[in-house]
Amino acid sequence: MDTFETGLTRAAVWRGDRIDIVEMPLPAPGRGEIVVRIRLATVCGSDLHTVSGRRQSPCPSVLGHEAVGEVVAVGAGAPARVGDRVVWSVTVACGECDRCGRGITAKCRRVRKVGHESFDSDWTLSGSYATHIVLPSGTAVVRVPEHLGDAVAAPAACATATVMAAVERAGDMSGRRVLIRGAGMLGTTAAAVCTDRGAHAMIVDPDRVRLGQAVSFGALLDDGEMVDAVLDFTGAASFIRESLPRLAISGALVLAGSVAPGPLLEVDPEQIVRRWWTITGIHNYEPRHLREAVAFLGRTVDRHPWSELVTDPLPLEQIETAVRSAPGRKLRVAVAP
């Protein structure tokens, strides 16, 4: 372990009906572990769902899984160095089970998740709404290039990497017509990624402000014609149902927003067979998607106004305000612990 003096850190602990700011000892890293000082965290929609009661999550816990920070201490064999500015994966895989062996680490049989673990467990500092986070062995870590600001880099750890996984599932984008549902952070990012890969990317959303904003990221308005792929980031069964008839031969429907129980979706198996459709889903992502996310943001930071999607940061003491929906054109609320 590099020379490191343990001291105190602060964390926002979700109690189910409130969030308490607590002060606690900062642990030294064990083998393969990394201690990161949080520079900036952004509030993902899943945390909004947790606080509003729409999603179950361990309680008490330190929420937050989109962040960028500076490495302040490392254990032996850790994949980072003190001073590195990094982002890290949402999932922590064991690397030993059959799923990890097949390359499906996002669904590791013993998976643990950043910002989703109990505060009373052996991984107390698991979320990014804190001054520091401890990253266990098995966490994918990616260095952030100097020209990428914190507000641009932080969403890479969830939104951007998830989009990379969803677009990968849809297949080759070159010359294809893609319909994207939802002009939030994921949908807007998907428009930029698909366009970057040569697609004709159309987006639909009832929010006209967000819809107009997505145009700055390469999105086109929906023309109502047939498409080669549909990417859904909303989980709305009505939209999924309406989208199926528009899928062309050999089209792909990728579901990324259906992360809670919802109405059953009726699909005619004959249509899947005769039209060579692929219907698939994506939840979490692989380490390569995080690397691709950082590389993509690095290449397009001067092409798209990424930083305009994030609010000016709030202090940790205002975390209760932060875990509410972002107003207006902003798609992510930022917290600077």
C-alpha atoms as a PDB file:
ATOM      1  CA  MET A   1       0.000   0.000   0.000  1.00  0.00           C
ATOM      2  CA  ASP A   2       1.203   3.523  -0.810  1.00  0.00           C
ATOM      3  CA  THR A   3       1.852   5.774   2.171  1.00  0.00           C
ATOM      4  CA  PHE A   4      -1.565   6.781   3.437  1.00  0.00           C
ATOM      5  CA  GLU A   5      -2.763   8.334   6.642  1.00  0.00           C
ATOM      6  CA  THR A   6      -6.243   7.261   7.565  1.00  0.00           C
ATOM      7  CA  GLY A   7      -8.482   9.998   8.888  1.00  0.00           C
ATOM      8  CA  LEU A   8     -12.142  10.860   8.767  1.00  0.00           C
ATOM      9  CA  THR A   9     -14.559  10.936   5.871  1.00  0.00           C
ATOM     10  CA  ARG A  10     -18.183  11.962   5.467  1.00  0.00           C
ATOM     11  CA  ALA A  11     -20.975  10.022   3.823  1.00  0.00           C
ATOM     12  CA  ALA A  12     -24.654  10.653   3.052  1.00  0.00           C
ATOM     13  CA  VAL A  13     -26.514   7.661   4.478  1.00  0.00           C
ATOM     14  CA  TRP A  14     -29.947   6.846   3.082  1.00  0.00           C
ATOM     15  CA  ARG A  15     -32.211   5.778   5.961  1.00  0.00           C
ATOM     16  CA  GLY A  16     -35.415   5.116   4.027  1.00  0.00           C
ATOM     17  CA  ASP A  17     -37.154   8.334   5.077  1.00  0.00           C
ATOM     18  CA  ARG A  18     -34.214  10.718   5.279  1.00  0.00           C
ATOM     19  CA  ILE A  19     -30.527  11.142   4.464  1.00  0.00           C
ATOM     20  CA  ASP A  20     -28.052  11.705   7.292  1.00  0.00           C
ATOM     21  CA  ILE A  21     -24.553  13.097   6.824  1.00  0.00           C
ATOM     22  CA  VAL A  22     -22.300  11.008   9.047  1.00  0.00           C
ATOM     23  CA  GLU A  23     -18.615  11.277   9.863  1.00  0.00           C
ATOM     24  CA  MET A  24     -16.638   8.055  10.092  1.00  0.00           C
ATOM     25  CA  PRO A  25     -13.075   6.720   9.963  1.00  0.00           C
ATOM     26  CA  LEU A  26     -11.578   6.387   6.493  1.00  0.00           C
ATOM     27  CA  PRO A  27     -10.253   2.836   6.157  1.00  0.00           C
ATOM     28  CA  ALA A  28      -6.923   1.929   4.602  1.00  0.00           C
ATOM     29  CA  PRO A  29      -7.230  -0.168   1.433  1.00  0.00           C
ATOM     30  CA  GLY A  30      -6.772  -3.923   1.524  1.00  0.00           C
ATOM     31  CA  ARG A  31      -5.216  -6.016  -1.217  1.00  0.00           C
ATOM     32  CA  GLY A  32      -6.531  -4.981  -4.640  1.00  0.00           C
ATOM     33  CA  GLU A  33      -8.619  -2.153  -3.137  1.00  0.00           C
ATOM     34  CA  ILE A  34      -8.604   1.519  -4.099  1.00  0.00           C
ATOM     35  CA  VAL A  35      -9.579   4.529  -2.001  1.00  0.00           C
ATOM     36  CA  VAL A  36     -10.896   7.395  -4.131  1.00  0.00           C
ATOM     37  CA  ARG A  37     -11.661  10.955  -3.118  1.00  0.00           C
ATOM     38  CA  ILE A  38     -14.886  11.912  -4.892  1.00  0.00           C
ATOM     39  CA  ARG A  39     -14.473  15.012  -7.037  1.00  0.00           C
ATOM     40  CA  LEU A  40     -17.966  15.042  -8.537  1.00  0.00           C
ATOM     41  CA  ALA A  41     -20.974  12.730  -8.433  1.00  0.00           C
ATOM     42  CA  THR A  42     -24.067  12.893 -10.633  1.00  0.00           C
ATOM     43  CA  VAL A  43     -27.520  11.702  -9.625  1.00  0.00           C
ATOM     44  CA  CYS A  44     -28.779   8.798 -11.743  1.00  0.00           C
ATOM     45  CA  GLY A  45     -32.491   8.177 -12.251  1.00  0.00           C
ATOM     46  CA  SER A  46     -32.325   4.913 -10.324  1.00  0.00           C
ATOM     47  CA  ASP A  47     -31.370   6.827  -7.179  1.00  0.00           C
ATOM     48  CA  LEU A  48     -34.323   9.142  -7.731  1.00  0.00           C
ATOM     49  CA  HIS A  49     -36.501   6.025  -7.918  1.00  0.00           C
ATOM     50  CA  THR A  50     -35.014   4.678  -4.687  1.00  0.00           C
ATOM     51  CA  VAL A  51     -35.670   7.870  -2.754  1.00  0.00           C
ATOM     52  CA  SER A  52     -39.204   8.201  -4.167  1.00  0.00           C
ATOM     53  CA  GLY A  53     -40.032   4.605  -3.197  1.00  0.00           C
ATOM     54  CA  ARG A  54     -40.301   3.254  -6.749  1.00  0.00           C
ATOM     55  CA  ARG A  55     -37.281   0.984  -6.379  1.00  0.00           C
ATOM     56  CA  GLN A  56     -36.129  -1.279  -3.546  1.00  0.00           C
ATOM     57  CA  SER A  57     -32.551  -0.834  -2.354  1.00  0.00           C
ATOM     58  CA  PRO A  58     -30.588  -1.885   0.738  1.00  0.00           C
ATOM     59  CA  CYS A  59     -31.197   0.480   3.626  1.00  0.00           C
ATOM     60  CA  PRO A  60     -29.288   2.052   5.237  1.00  0.00           C
ATOM     61  CA  SER A  61     -26.828   2.630   2.409  1.00  0.00           C
ATOM     62  CA  VAL A  62     -24.669   5.226   0.708  1.00  0.00           C
ATOM     63  CA  LEU A  63     -26.281   5.795  -2.676  1.00  0.00           C
ATOM     64  CA  GLY A  64     -24.594   7.096  -5.821  1.00  0.00           C
ATOM     65  CA  HIS A  65     -22.854   5.206  -8.646  1.00  0.00           C
ATOM     66  CA  GLU A  66     -22.008   7.889 -11.250  1.00  0.00           C
ATOM     67  CA  ALA A  67     -18.883   9.733 -10.208  1.00  0.00           C
ATOM     68  CA  VAL A  68     -15.332  10.735 -10.969  1.00  0.00           C
ATOM     69  CA  GLY A  69     -12.578  10.969  -8.387  1.00  0.00           C
ATOM     70  CA  GLU A  70      -8.906  10.988  -7.528  1.00  0.00           C
ATOM     71  CA  VAL A  71      -7.120   7.925  -6.224  1.00  0.00           C
ATOM     72  CA  VAL A  72      -5.628   8.665  -2.799  1.00  0.00           C
ATOM     73  CA  ALA A  73      -4.544   5.182  -1.725  1.00  0.00           C
ATOM     74  CA  VAL A  74      -4.155   1.720  -3.242  1.00  0.00           C
ATOM     75  CA  GLY A  75      -3.676  -1.764  -1.901  1.00  0.00           C
ATOM     76  CA  ALA A  76      -1.188  -4.250  -3.316  1.00  0.00           C
ATOM     77  CA  GLY A  77      -2.088  -5.302  -6.850  1.00  0.00           C
ATOM     78  CA  ALA A  78      -4.719  -2.593  -7.363  1.00  0.00           C
ATOM     79  CA  PRO A  79      -5.281  -1.464 -10.986  1.00  0.00           C
ATOM     80  CA  ALA A  80      -4.577   2.224 -10.361  1.00  0.00           C
ATOM     81  CA  ARG A  81      -1.985   4.620  -8.990  1.00  0.00           C
ATOM     82  CA  VAL A  82      -2.229   7.393  -6.421  1.00  0.00           C
ATOM     83  CA  GLY A  83      -3.052  10.627  -8.214  1.00  0.00           C
ATOM     84  CA  ASP A  84      -5.003   9.025 -11.063  1.00  0.00           C
ATOM     85  CA  ARG A  85      -8.314  10.663 -11.932  1.00  0.00           C
ATOM     86  CA  VAL A  86     -10.686   7.779 -12.596  1.00  0.00           C
ATOM     87  CA  VAL A  87     -14.204   6.504 -13.145  1.00  0.00           C
ATOM     88  CA  TRP A  88     -15.255   3.004 -12.094  1.00  0.00           C
ATOM     89  CA  SER A  89     -17.795   0.353 -12.970  1.00  0.00           C
ATOM     90  CA  VAL A  90     -21.153  -0.017 -11.246  1.00  0.00           C
ATOM     91  CA  THR A  91     -20.640  -3.755 -10.803  1.00  0.00           C
ATOM     92  CA  VAL A  92     -17.931  -5.627  -8.926  1.00  0.00           C
ATOM     93  CA  ALA A  93     -17.497  -9.175 -10.203  1.00  0.00           C
ATOM     94  CA  CYS A  94     -15.943 -12.191  -8.497  1.00  0.00           C
ATOM     95  CA  GLY A  95     -14.085 -13.245 -11.652  1.00  0.00           C
ATOM     96  CA  GLU A  96     -14.469 -16.907 -10.714  1.00  0.00           C
ATOM     97  CA  CYS A  97     -18.057 -18.045 -11.371  1.00  0.00           C
ATOM     98  CA  ASP A  98     -19.336 -19.577 -14.611  1.00  0.00           C
ATOM     99  CA  ARG A  99     -20.866 -16.297 -15.766  1.00  0.00           C
ATOM    100  CA  CYS A 100     -17.621 -14.414 -15.271  1.00  0.00           C
ATOM    101  CA  GLY A 101     -15.889 -17.212 -17.162  1.00  0.00           C
ATOM    102  CA  ARG A 102     -18.290 -16.661 -20.074  1.00  0.00           C
ATOM    103  CA  GLY A 103     -17.601 -12.921 -20.079  1.00  0.00           C
ATOM    104  CA  ILE A 104     -20.925 -11.945 -18.511  1.00  0.00           C
ATOM    105  CA  THR A 105     -19.440 -10.252 -15.464  1.00  0.00           C
ATOM    106  CA  ALA A 106     -22.388  -7.834 -15.272  1.00  0.00           C
ATOM    107  CA  LYS A 107     -24.430 -10.808 -14.125  1.00  0.00           C
ATOM    108  CA  CYS A 108     -21.792 -12.398 -11.891  1.00  0.00           C
ATOM    109  CA  ARG A 109     -23.406 -14.830  -9.459  1.00  0.00           C
ATOM    110  CA  ARG A 110     -21.800 -12.940  -6.558  1.00  0.00           C
ATOM    111  CA  VAL A 111     -22.041  -9.474  -8.062  1.00  0.00           C
ATOM    112  CA  ARG A 112     -21.859  -6.452  -5.796  1.00  0.00           C
ATOM    113  CA  LYS A 113     -22.825  -2.987  -6.946  1.00  0.00           C
ATOM    114  CA  VAL A 114     -21.503   0.483  -6.230  1.00  0.00           C
ATOM    115  CA  GLY A 115     -24.134   2.528  -4.420  1.00  0.00           C
ATOM    116  CA  HIS A 116     -26.337  -0.520  -3.825  1.00  0.00           C
ATOM    117  CA  GLU A 117     -24.788  -2.141  -0.737  1.00  0.00           C
ATOM    118  CA  SER A 118     -25.821  -2.000   2.904  1.00  0.00           C
ATOM    119  CA  PHE A 119     -24.066   0.552   5.097  1.00  0.00           C
ATOM    120  CA  ASP A 120     -23.986  -2.155   7.768  1.00  0.00           C
ATOM    121  CA  SER A 121     -22.060  -4.609   5.559  1.00  0.00           C
ATOM    122  CA  ASP A 122     -18.304  -5.074   5.203  1.00  0.00           C
ATOM    123  CA  TRP A 123     -18.400  -2.537   2.339  1.00  0.00           C
ATOM    124  CA  THR A 124     -19.521   0.556   4.212  1.00  0.00           C
ATOM    125  CA  LEU A 125     -18.252   3.200   1.774  1.00  0.00           C
ATOM    126  CA  SER A 126     -19.845   1.724  -1.343  1.00  0.00           C
ATOM    127  CA  GLY A 127     -21.536   4.834  -2.798  1.00  0.00           C
ATOM    128  CA  SER A 128     -20.382   8.106  -4.315  1.00  0.00           C
ATOM    129  CA  TYR A 129     -22.502  10.466  -2.207  1.00  0.00           C
ATOM    130  CA  ALA A 130     -19.581  10.712   0.159  1.00  0.00           C
ATOM    131  CA  THR A 131     -16.192  12.351   0.452  1.00  0.00           C
ATOM    132  CA  HIS A 132     -14.504   9.006  -0.310  1.00  0.00           C
ATOM    133  CA  ILE A 133     -15.377   5.620  -1.733  1.00  0.00           C
ATOM    134  CA  VAL A 134     -13.559   2.296  -1.340  1.00  0.00           C
ATOM    135  CA  LEU A 135     -13.432   0.222  -4.540  1.00  0.00           C
ATOM    136  CA  PRO A 136     -13.028  -3.512  -3.876  1.00  0.00           C
ATOM    137  CA  SER A 137     -10.850  -5.845  -5.884  1.00  0.00           C
ATOM    138  CA  GLY A 138     -12.745  -6.707  -9.061  1.00  0.00           C
ATOM    139  CA  THR A 139     -13.928  -3.152  -9.771  1.00  0.00           C
ATOM    140  CA  ALA A 140     -13.127  -2.000 -13.313  1.00  0.00           C
ATOM    141  CA  VAL A 141     -11.321   1.338 -13.222  1.00  0.00           C
ATOM    142  CA  VAL A 142     -10.615   3.653 -16.172  1.00  0.00           C
ATOM    143  CA  ARG A 143      -8.350   6.690 -16.160  1.00  0.00           C
ATOM    144  CA  VAL A 144      -9.932   9.943 -17.343  1.00  0.00           C
ATOM    145  CA  PRO A 145      -7.989  12.013 -19.907  1.00  0.00           C
ATOM    146  CA  GLU A 146      -6.961  15.489 -18.807  1.00  0.00           C
ATOM    147  CA  HIS A 147      -9.111  17.307 -21.373  1.00  0.00           C
ATOM    148  CA  LEU A 148     -12.301  15.683 -20.058  1.00  0.00           C
ATOM    149  CA  GLY A 149     -13.963  17.738 -17.321  1.00  0.00           C
ATOM    150  CA  ASP A 150     -15.488  16.146 -14.232  1.00  0.00           C
ATOM    151  CA  ALA A 151     -19.062  16.984 -15.280  1.00  0.00           C
ATOM    152  CA  VAL A 152     -18.533  15.197 -18.600  1.00  0.00           C
ATOM    153  CA  ALA A 153     -16.696  12.207 -17.140  1.00  0.00           C
ATOM    154  CA  ALA A 154     -18.964  11.343 -14.194  1.00  0.00           C
ATOM    155  CA  PRO A 155     -21.972  10.021 -16.197  1.00  0.00           C
ATOM    156  CA  ALA A 156     -19.642   7.621 -18.043  1.00  0.00           C
ATOM    157  CA  ALA A 157     -19.846   5.268 -15.068  1.00  0.00           C
ATOM    158  CA  CYS A 158     -23.535   4.523 -15.642  1.00  0.00           C
ATOM    159  CA  ALA A 159     -25.370   6.382 -18.409  1.00  0.00           C
ATOM    160  CA  THR A 160     -22.686   6.398 -21.104  1.00  0.00           C
ATOM    161  CA  ALA A 161     -21.431   2.868 -20.447  1.00  0.00           C
ATOM    162  CA  THR A 162     -24.990   1.507 -20.385  1.00  0.00           C
ATOM    163  CA  VAL A 163     -25.641   3.132 -23.753  1.00  0.00           C
ATOM    164  CA  MET A 164     -22.490   1.505 -25.142  1.00  0.00           C
ATOM    165  CA  ALA A 165     -23.830  -1.877 -24.058  1.00  0.00           C
ATOM    166  CA  ALA A 166     -27.283  -1.217 -25.535  1.00  0.00           C
ATOM    167  CA  VAL A 167     -25.925  -0.040 -28.884  1.00  0.00           C
ATOM    168  CA  GLU A 168     -23.624  -3.063 -29.036  1.00  0.00           C
ATOM    169  CA  ARG A 169     -26.653  -5.340 -28.630  1.00  0.00           C
ATOM    170  CA  ALA A 170     -28.365  -3.613 -31.550  1.00  0.00           C
ATOM    171  CA  GLY A 171     -25.487  -4.512 -33.871  1.00  0.00           C
ATOM    172  CA  ASP A 172     -23.713  -2.566 -36.597  1.00  0.00           C
ATOM    173  CA  MET A 173     -25.028   0.996 -36.789  1.00  0.00           C
ATOM    174  CA  SER A 174     -23.562   2.065 -40.125  1.00  0.00           C
ATOM    175  CA  GLY A 175     -26.299   3.238 -42.478  1.00  0.00           C
ATOM    176  CA  ARG A 176     -29.100   1.947 -40.231  1.00  0.00           C
ATOM    177  CA  ARG A 177     -32.244   3.740 -39.133  1.00  0.00           C
ATOM    178  CA  VAL A 178     -32.593   3.751 -35.349  1.00  0.00           C
ATOM    179  CA  LEU A 179     -35.502   4.876 -33.191  1.00  0.00           C
ATOM    180  CA  ILE A 180     -34.640   5.936 -29.640  1.00  0.00           C
ATOM    181  CA  ARG A 181     -37.298   6.294 -26.973  1.00  0.00           C
ATOM    182  CA  GLY A 182     -36.557   8.784 -24.194  1.00  0.00           C
ATOM    183  CA  ALA A 183     -34.517  11.979 -24.412  1.00  0.00           C
ATOM    184  CA  GLY A 184     -33.077  11.752 -20.921  1.00  0.00           C
ATOM    185  CA  MET A 185     -29.388  11.245 -20.280  1.00  0.00           C
ATOM    186  CA  LEU A 186     -29.338   7.752 -21.803  1.00  0.00           C
ATOM    187  CA  GLY A 187     -31.457   8.526 -24.848  1.00  0.00           C
ATOM    188  CA  THR A 188     -29.599  11.739 -25.640  1.00  0.00           C
ATOM    189  CA  THR A 189     -26.284   9.937 -25.261  1.00  0.00           C
ATOM    190  CA  ALA A 190     -27.561   7.095 -27.460  1.00  0.00           C
ATOM    191  CA  ALA A 191     -28.399   9.570 -30.219  1.00  0.00           C
ATOM    192  CA  ALA A 192     -24.814  10.850 -30.143  1.00  0.00           C
ATOM    193  CA  VAL A 193     -23.323   7.340 -30.099  1.00  0.00           C
ATOM    194  CA  CYS A 194     -25.524   6.025 -32.927  1.00  0.00           C
ATOM    195  CA  THR A 195     -24.855   9.079 -35.065  1.00  0.00           C
ATOM    196  CA  ASP A 196     -21.142   8.768 -34.403  1.00  0.00           C
ATOM    197  CA  ARG A 197     -21.333   5.191 -35.693  1.00  0.00           C
ATOM    198  CA  GLY A 198     -23.055   6.196 -38.914  1.00  0.00           C
ATOM    199  CA  ALA A 199     -26.714   5.682 -38.049  1.00  0.00           C
ATOM    200  CA  HIS A 200     -29.771   7.788 -38.890  1.00  0.00           C
ATOM    201  CA  ALA A 201     -30.797   8.255 -35.231  1.00  0.00           C
ATOM    202  CA  MET A 202     -34.315   9.468 -34.472  1.00  0.00           C
ATOM    203  CA  ILE A 203     -35.622  10.202 -30.996  1.00  0.00           C
ATOM    204  CA  VAL A 204     -39.069  10.562 -29.437  1.00  0.00           C
ATOM    205  CA  ASP A 205     -40.012  12.080 -26.077  1.00  0.00           C
ATOM    206  CA  PRO A 206     -43.096  13.964 -24.823  1.00  0.00           C
ATOM    207  CA  ASP A 207     -40.843  16.685 -23.372  1.00  0.00           C
ATOM    208  CA  ARG A 208     -40.281  19.207 -26.165  1.00  0.00           C
ATOM    209  CA  VAL A 209     -37.393  20.884 -24.346  1.00  0.00           C
ATOM    210  CA  ARG A 210     -35.479  17.635 -24.013  1.00  0.00           C
ATOM    211  CA  LEU A 211     -36.375  16.657 -27.546  1.00  0.00           C
ATOM    212  CA  GLY A 212     -34.955  19.905 -28.897  1.00  0.00           C
ATOM    213  CA  GLN A 213     -31.853  19.520 -26.768  1.00  0.00           C
ATOM    214  CA  ALA A 214     -31.196  16.047 -28.167  1.00  0.00           C
ATOM    215  CA  VAL A 215     -30.823  17.573 -31.621  1.00  0.00           C
ATOM    216  CA  SER A 216     -27.559  19.114 -30.387  1.00  0.00           C
ATOM    217  CA  PHE A 217     -26.322  15.552 -29.886  1.00  0.00           C
ATOM    218  CA  GLY A 218     -27.075  14.319 -33.384  1.00  0.00           C
ATOM    219  CA  ALA A 219     -30.710  13.282 -32.937  1.00  0.00           C
ATOM    220  CA  LEU A 220     -33.318  13.653 -35.666  1.00  0.00           C
ATOM    221  CA  LEU A 221     -37.058  13.898 -35.187  1.00  0.00           C
ATOM    222  CA  ASP A 222     -39.071  10.748 -35.824  1.00  0.00           C
ATOM    223  CA  ASP A 223     -40.429  10.450 -39.371  1.00  0.00           C
ATOM    224  CA  GLY A 224     -42.749   7.538 -38.572  1.00  0.00           C
ATOM    225  CA  GLU A 225     -41.221   5.190 -41.134  1.00  0.00           C
ATOM    226  CA  MET A 226     -39.744   1.696 -40.696  1.00  0.00           C
ATOM    227  CA  VAL A 227     -36.561   1.343 -38.654  1.00  0.00           C
ATOM    228  CA  ASP A 228     -33.756  -1.196 -38.314  1.00  0.00           C
ATOM    229  CA  ALA A 229     -33.439  -0.912 -34.559  1.00  0.00           C
ATOM    230  CA  VAL A 230     -35.369   0.408 -31.568  1.00  0.00           C
ATOM    231  CA  LEU A 231     -33.606   1.382 -28.341  1.00  0.00           C
ATOM    232  CA  ASP A 232     -35.952   1.861 -25.399  1.00  0.00           C
ATOM    233  CA  PHE A 233     -34.716   3.680 -22.290  1.00  0.00           C
ATOM    234  CA  THR A 234     -38.131   4.319 -20.736  1.00  0.00           C
ATOM    235  CA  GLY A 235     -39.586   0.914 -19.919  1.00  0.00           C
ATOM    236  CA  ALA A 236     -42.975   2.080 -21.198  1.00  0.00           C
ATOM    237  CA  ALA A 237     -44.856  -0.991 -22.446  1.00  0.00           C
ATOM    238  CA  SER A 238     -47.111   1.162 -24.623  1.00  0.00           C
ATOM    239  CA  PHE A 239     -44.156   2.495 -26.588  1.00  0.00           C
ATOM    240  CA  ILE A 240     -42.586  -0.931 -26.961  1.00  0.00           C
ATOM    241  CA  ARG A 241     -45.877  -2.275 -28.268  1.00  0.00           C
ATOM    242  CA  GLU A 242     -46.191   0.582 -30.773  1.00  0.00           C
ATOM    243  CA  SER A 243     -42.597   0.182 -31.942  1.00  0.00           C
ATOM    244  CA  LEU A 244     -42.729  -3.486 -32.924  1.00  0.00           C
ATOM    245  CA  PRO A 245     -44.727  -3.036 -36.158  1.00  0.00           C
ATOM    246  CA  ARG A 246     -42.124  -0.529 -37.322  1.00  0.00           C
ATOM    247  CA  LEU A 247     -39.238  -2.970 -37.105  1.00  0.00           C
ATOM    248  CA  ALA A 248     -37.936  -3.877 -40.541  1.00  0.00           C
ATOM    249  CA  ILE A 249     -36.763  -7.331 -41.592  1.00  0.00           C
ATOM    250  CA  SER A 250     -33.865  -8.429 -39.347  1.00  0.00           C
ATOM    251  CA  GLY A 251     -34.615  -5.547 -36.992  1.00  0.00           C
ATOM    252  CA  ALA A 252     -33.553  -5.423 -33.341  1.00  0.00           C
ATOM    253  CA  LEU A 253     -35.467  -4.243 -30.294  1.00  0.00           C
ATOM    254  CA  VAL A 254     -33.171  -3.491 -27.353  1.00  0.00           C
ATOM    255  CA  LEU A 255     -34.810  -2.950 -23.966  1.00  0.00           C
ATOM    256  CA  ALA A 256     -32.756  -1.005 -21.432  1.00  0.00           C
ATOM    257  CA  GLY A 257     -35.413   0.865 -19.464  1.00  0.00           C
ATOM    258  CA  SER A 258     -37.573  -2.027 -18.247  1.00  0.00           C
ATOM    259  CA  VAL A 259     -35.928  -2.426 -14.853  1.00  0.00           C
ATOM    260  CA  ALA A 260     -39.107  -2.810 -12.781  1.00  0.00           C
ATOM    261  CA  PRO A 261     -42.132  -5.123 -13.104  1.00  0.00           C
ATOM    262  CA  GLY A 262     -44.653  -3.833 -15.638  1.00  0.00           C
ATOM    263  CA  PRO A 263     -47.536  -4.897 -17.885  1.00  0.00           C
ATOM    264  CA  LEU A 264     -47.001  -8.040 -19.937  1.00  0.00           C
ATOM    265  CA  LEU A 265     -46.104  -7.467 -23.567  1.00  0.00           C
ATOM    266  CA  GLU A 266     -47.894  -9.531 -26.195  1.00  0.00           C
ATOM    267  CA  VAL A 267     -45.676 -10.510 -29.119  1.00  0.00           C
ATOM    268  CA  ASP A 268     -46.724 -12.672 -32.055  1.00  0.00           C
ATOM    269  CA  PRO A 269     -44.032 -15.393 -32.360  1.00  0.00           C
ATOM    270  CA  GLU A 270     -44.773 -15.727 -36.072  1.00  0.00           C
ATOM    271  CA  GLN A 271     -43.659 -12.145 -36.620  1.00  0.00           C
ATOM    272  CA  ILE A 272     -40.365 -12.797 -34.835  1.00  0.00           C
ATOM    273  CA  VAL A 273     -39.770 -15.849 -37.040  1.00  0.00           C
ATOM    274  CA  ARG A 274     -40.858 -14.458 -40.394  1.00  0.00           C
ATOM    275  CA  ARG A 275     -39.267 -11.039 -39.921  1.00  0.00           C
ATOM    276  CA  TRP A 276     -36.039 -12.296 -38.349  1.00  0.00           C
ATOM    277  CA  TRP A 277     -36.448  -9.984 -35.375  1.00  0.00           C
ATOM    278  CA  THR A 278     -34.110  -9.905 -32.408  1.00  0.00           C
ATOM    279  CA  ILE A 279     -35.626  -8.873 -29.075  1.00  0.00           C
ATOM    280  CA  THR A 280     -33.073  -8.483 -26.326  1.00  0.00           C
ATOM    281  CA  GLY A 281     -32.314  -6.617 -23.121  1.00  0.00           C
ATOM    282  CA  ILE A 282     -29.353  -5.093 -21.346  1.00  0.00           C
ATOM    283  CA  HIS A 283     -28.818  -4.505 -17.620  1.00  0.00           C
ATOM    284  CA  ASN A 284     -25.512  -3.226 -16.255  1.00  0.00           C
ATOM    285  CA  TYR A 285     -22.514  -3.432 -18.586  1.00  0.00           C
ATOM    286  CA  GLU A 286     -19.082  -4.962 -19.077  1.00  0.00           C
ATOM    287  CA  PRO A 287     -15.705  -3.283 -18.357  1.00  0.00           C
ATOM    288  CA  ARG A 288     -15.122  -2.776 -22.103  1.00  0.00           C
ATOM    289  CA  HIS A 289     -18.237  -0.612 -22.244  1.00  0.00           C
ATOM    290  CA  LEU A 290     -16.832   1.702 -19.572  1.00  0.00           C
ATOM    291  CA  ARG A 291     -13.575   2.012 -21.521  1.00  0.00           C
ATOM    292  CA  GLU A 292     -15.543   2.728 -24.700  1.00  0.00           C
ATOM    293  CA  ALA A 293     -17.614   5.336 -22.850  1.00  0.00           C
ATOM    294  CA  VAL A 294     -14.580   7.307 -21.693  1.00  0.00           C
ATOM    295  CA  ALA A 295     -12.975   7.090 -25.141  1.00  0.00           C
ATOM    296  CA  PHE A 296     -16.191   8.249 -26.833  1.00  0.00           C
ATOM    297  CA  LEU A 297     -16.624  11.229 -24.505  1.00  0.00           C
ATOM    298  CA  GLY A 298     -12.986  12.124 -25.046  1.00  0.00           C
ATOM    299  CA  ARG A 299     -13.477  12.147 -28.832  1.00  0.00           C
ATOM    300  CA  THR A 300     -16.743  14.096 -28.822  1.00  0.00           C
ATOM    301  CA  VAL A 301     -16.252  16.586 -26.006  1.00  0.00           C
ATOM    302  CA  ASP A 302     -15.714  19.375 -28.548  1.00  0.00           C
ATOM    303  CA  ARG A 303     -18.523  18.148 -30.814  1.00  0.00           C
ATOM    304  CA  HIS A 304     -21.400  18.058 -28.331  1.00  0.00           C
ATOM    305  CA  PRO A 305     -22.186  20.276 -25.294  1.00  0.00           C
ATOM    306  CA  TRP A 306     -21.942  17.455 -22.740  1.00  0.00           C
ATOM    307  CA  SER A 307     -21.233  19.743 -19.788  1.00  0.00           C
ATOM    308  CA  GLU A 308     -24.503  21.615 -20.403  1.00  0.00           C
ATOM    309  CA  LEU A 309     -26.436  18.504 -19.395  1.00  0.00           C
ATOM    310  CA  VAL A 310     -25.168  18.716 -15.798  1.00  0.00           C
ATOM    311  CA  THR A 311     -26.064  21.300 -13.142  1.00  0.00           C
ATOM    312  CA  ASP A 312     -23.584  23.310 -11.159  1.00  0.00           C
ATOM    313  CA  PRO A 313     -22.563  21.112  -8.225  1.00  0.00           C
ATOM    314  CA  LEU A 314     -24.307  21.181  -4.887  1.00  0.00           C
ATOM    315  CA  PRO A 315     -22.417  20.486  -1.643  1.00  0.00           C
ATOM    316  CA  LEU A 316     -22.954  17.167   0.109  1.00  0.00           C
ATOM    317  CA  GLU A 317     -25.020  18.955   2.765  1.00  0.00           C
ATOM    318  CA  GLN A 318     -27.664  19.612   0.084  1.00  0.00           C
ATOM    319  CA  ILE A 319     -27.960  15.976  -1.011  1.00  0.00           C
ATOM    320  CA  GLU A 320     -31.684  15.972  -0.144  1.00  0.00           C
ATOM    321  CA  THR A 321     -32.170  18.656  -2.807  1.00  0.00           C
ATOM    322  CA  ALA A 322     -29.928  16.827  -5.270  1.00  0.00           C
ATOM    323  CA  VAL A 323     -31.893  13.587  -5.249  1.00  0.00           C
ATOM    324  CA  ARG A 324     -34.825  15.133  -7.055  1.00  0.00           C
ATOM    325  CA  SER A 325     -35.449  15.369 -10.788  1.00  0.00           C
ATOM    326  CA  ALA A 326     -33.196  17.862 -12.547  1.00  0.00           C
ATOM    327  CA  PRO A 327     -35.081  20.982 -13.704  1.00  0.00           C
ATOM    328  CA  GLY A 328     -35.349  22.273 -17.269  1.00  0.00           C
ATOM    329  CA  ARG A 329     -32.667  21.313 -19.780  1.00  0.00           C
ATOM    330  CA  LYS A 330     -30.358  19.749 -17.211  1.00  0.00           C
ATOM    331  CA  LEU A 331     -30.408  15.954 -17.217  1.00  0.00           C
ATOM    332  CA  ARG A 332     -28.113  15.335 -14.252  1.00  0.00           C
ATOM    333  CA  VAL A 333     -27.789  17.062 -10.873  1.00  0.00           C
ATOM    334  CA  ALA A 334     -24.191  17.218  -9.676  1.00  0.00           C
ATOM    335  CA  VAL A 335     -22.865  16.891  -6.122  1.00  0.00           C
ATOM    336  CA  ALA A 336     -19.354  17.881  -5.103  1.00  0.00           C
ATOM    337  CA  PRO A 337     -18.576  16.238  -1.754  1.00  0.00           C
END
